Amino acid sequence: MKSIQSIEFHAGSREEMLPGFAKDFPYIVTRAELDKYAGRFVPWHWHRTAELFYMESGALEYHTPKGKWRFPVGSGGMVNANVLHMTQVVSQTERNIQLLHLFDPAFLAGERGSRIGQKYVFPVTAAGQVEMILLFPGSPAQDEALKLLRESFRLSPDGFGYEMKLRNILSELWLMLYGQVQPVLGENGRVGKSNDKIKRMMVYIHEHYPEKITVPEIAAAAFLSERECFRLFRDCLHMTPVEYIKSYRLQIACQMLAGGREPVTAISHACGLGSSSYFGKVFREYAQCTPTQYREKWQDCNR
């Protein structure tokens, strides 16, 4: 199981890169050391895979367009495929470690058009009302699912039959999760169009953040009115387009400060934040420290 201390994204997008993901085995397992992530949070992003996770220690808060949930040690759940989400560390008194399975739903469904896919897998991944499935101890069904989830992370890749054993245990877990959400699968969820449009506008910001960006330009990227643009940002990301632009630029600044030695003035201009005095002001409001202090803290942490 590979330990990770940061998240990487495809260029110009907020779709997560999945190093080690192979066509012949579309699956990876990771151990996320969340305290070593810059800022101790993972910004808004998505991925085409399903994300099945377990909190080994600490506590983590997930945010999606429909709400937020706190996961203490011993809990777990699943983020559905293509769902926008962000996470942030909650526990400040212990290490925050999360174990994750990331897999293409086809890994369980089999070949295109299969009965298993049509009956059990794709009804879940296509359900916009199912952003997350939560697993908390306290009921027999969820205790059983959490026990199986813990066991799934103990499988050794070097063991005989690992690939088949892994698919079997993930299939069993999926069936448990399917049973949990089956009552709502027939309901109409606001899917597809809104999800695609907010992502399109986010991608436009990610591609143009060093430049001056206006709300009409962001709205035009998704063929929307300004009013609809504001509504989608509010409903999906719980902030205005301008707030998201500023937040994204500051996230890029944090990455540059933690990973390099460029002068602070150069970083402020490269991120579209203008003068170093303005950059220093908004950065202190964002990170509760100066850019130089942030750099020292995170570069020391990574040594």
Foldseek 3Di string as FASTA:
>chain_A
DAEDQEWDDDALFQETDDPPQDPVFRKDKYKYQQVLYQVSKFDKGFYQWKKWKAWQAAKKWKQWLVGIDIDHHLWIWIFAHLTIMMMGGDDPPDTTIMIIMTGRLCLQQPDPPGPCCVPQRVLQNQAQVPRMQIADPDDPLSVVLSVLVVVLVVQDPPDPPSSVVNSVSVNVSSVSSSVVCVVCSPPDDPDDLLSVLVRQLVSVLSVQQLHDDDLVVSQVSSPHDSVVQQVSCCSTVVDGPVVVSVVVLLVVLLVDLQPHDDDQQVSCNSRNNDGSVSVQVVNCVVNVDGSNVSSVVSNVVVD
